[in-house]
Protein backbone atom coordinates (compact mmCIF):
# COMPACT_ATOMS: atom_id res chain seq x y z
CA MET A 1 21.63 125.20 60.25
CA ARG A 2 22.31 128.77 59.77
CA VAL A 3 20.83 131.67 61.36
CA LEU A 4 21.16 135.43 60.17
CA GLY A 5 20.55 137.56 62.79
CA VAL A 6 19.79 141.28 62.78
CA ASP A 7 19.07 144.00 64.97
CA PRO A 8 17.49 146.65 62.99
CA GLY A 9 18.71 150.00 62.41
CA LEU A 10 19.26 152.59 59.94
CA THR A 11 22.01 154.73 62.15
CA ARG A 12 23.83 151.45 63.22
CA CYS A 13 22.37 148.10 61.94
CA GLY A 14 23.89 145.04 64.08
CA VAL A 15 23.88 141.82 61.94
CA GLY A 16 25.68 138.18 63.47
CA VAL A 17 25.83 134.53 61.92
CA VAL A 18 25.21 131.56 64.16
CA GLU A 19 25.44 127.90 62.62
CA GLY A 20 24.34 124.96 64.66
CA VAL A 21 23.03 121.26 65.04
CA PRO A 22 20.20 120.10 67.53
CA GLY A 23 21.49 119.10 70.84
CA ARG A 24 25.22 120.73 70.88
CA PRO A 25 25.30 124.84 71.59
CA CYS A 26 25.71 127.01 68.47
CA THR A 27 28.70 128.90 67.62
CA LEU A 28 29.30 132.21 66.33
CA VAL A 29 30.29 132.24 62.24
CA GLY A 30 30.79 136.29 61.72
CA TYR A 31 29.05 139.82 62.87
CA TYR A 32 29.43 143.00 61.43
CA VAL A 33 27.80 146.11 62.34
CA VAL A 34 26.89 148.28 59.11
CA TYR A 35 27.08 152.56 59.87
CA SER A 36 25.03 154.70 57.51
CA ALA A 37 25.30 158.19 57.78
CA PRO A 38 21.63 159.78 59.28
CA GLU A 39 21.69 162.87 56.79
CA ASP A 40 21.70 160.31 53.77
CA ASP A 41 18.37 159.91 52.16
CA LEU A 42 15.88 156.19 53.07
CA ALA A 43 17.19 154.68 50.25
CA THR A 44 20.81 155.56 50.09
CA ARG A 45 20.81 154.17 53.55
CA LEU A 46 18.90 150.99 52.71
CA LEU A 47 20.93 149.79 49.83
CA HIS A 48 23.50 150.61 51.87
CA LEU A 49 22.78 148.50 54.45
CA ASP A 50 21.37 145.82 51.24
CA ARG A 51 24.41 145.49 50.03
CA ASN A 52 26.53 145.01 53.22
CA LEU A 53 24.83 142.37 54.37
CA ALA A 54 24.81 140.83 51.02
CA ASP A 55 28.78 140.29 51.88
CA LEU A 56 28.67 139.12 55.11
CA VAL A 57 26.34 136.02 53.51
CA ALA A 58 28.97 135.77 51.42
CA SER A 59 31.64 135.90 53.51
CA THR A 60 30.19 132.79 55.23
CA GLY A 61 29.80 130.63 52.51
CA PRO A 62 26.62 130.81 50.64
CA SER A 63 27.02 127.39 50.69
CA ARG A 64 26.39 126.41 53.90
CA TRP A 65 23.39 128.30 53.52
CA PRO A 66 19.64 127.29 53.30
CA TRP A 67 18.33 129.01 50.77
CA SER A 68 19.80 128.49 46.64
CA GLY A 69 20.75 129.87 44.02
CA CYS A 70 22.50 132.65 46.80
CA SER A 71 25.73 134.61 45.16
CA ALA A 72 26.70 137.64 46.33
CA SER A 73 29.75 139.38 46.03
CA THR A 74 32.44 139.72 48.74
CA THR A 75 34.35 143.34 48.88
CA SER A 76 34.53 143.54 53.03
CA ALA A 77 33.81 140.89 55.43
CA PRO A 78 34.11 141.93 59.23
């Protein structure tokens, strides 16, 4: 199972993906820090966060995530 962890923030938002199975240690799949400018309006910052999270999910293998129908495009991977 894969888990997306989020340390929320609007100027710096830390995210990480770990994978594991019962009885075994988890493995780090990917991590990223999403930065946004404090002078940007809230809607712009949230959109930037959304796009970067979608990229992270796509770059860490959407077919391996527990939900179906994940279709994000990858523009840059961490």
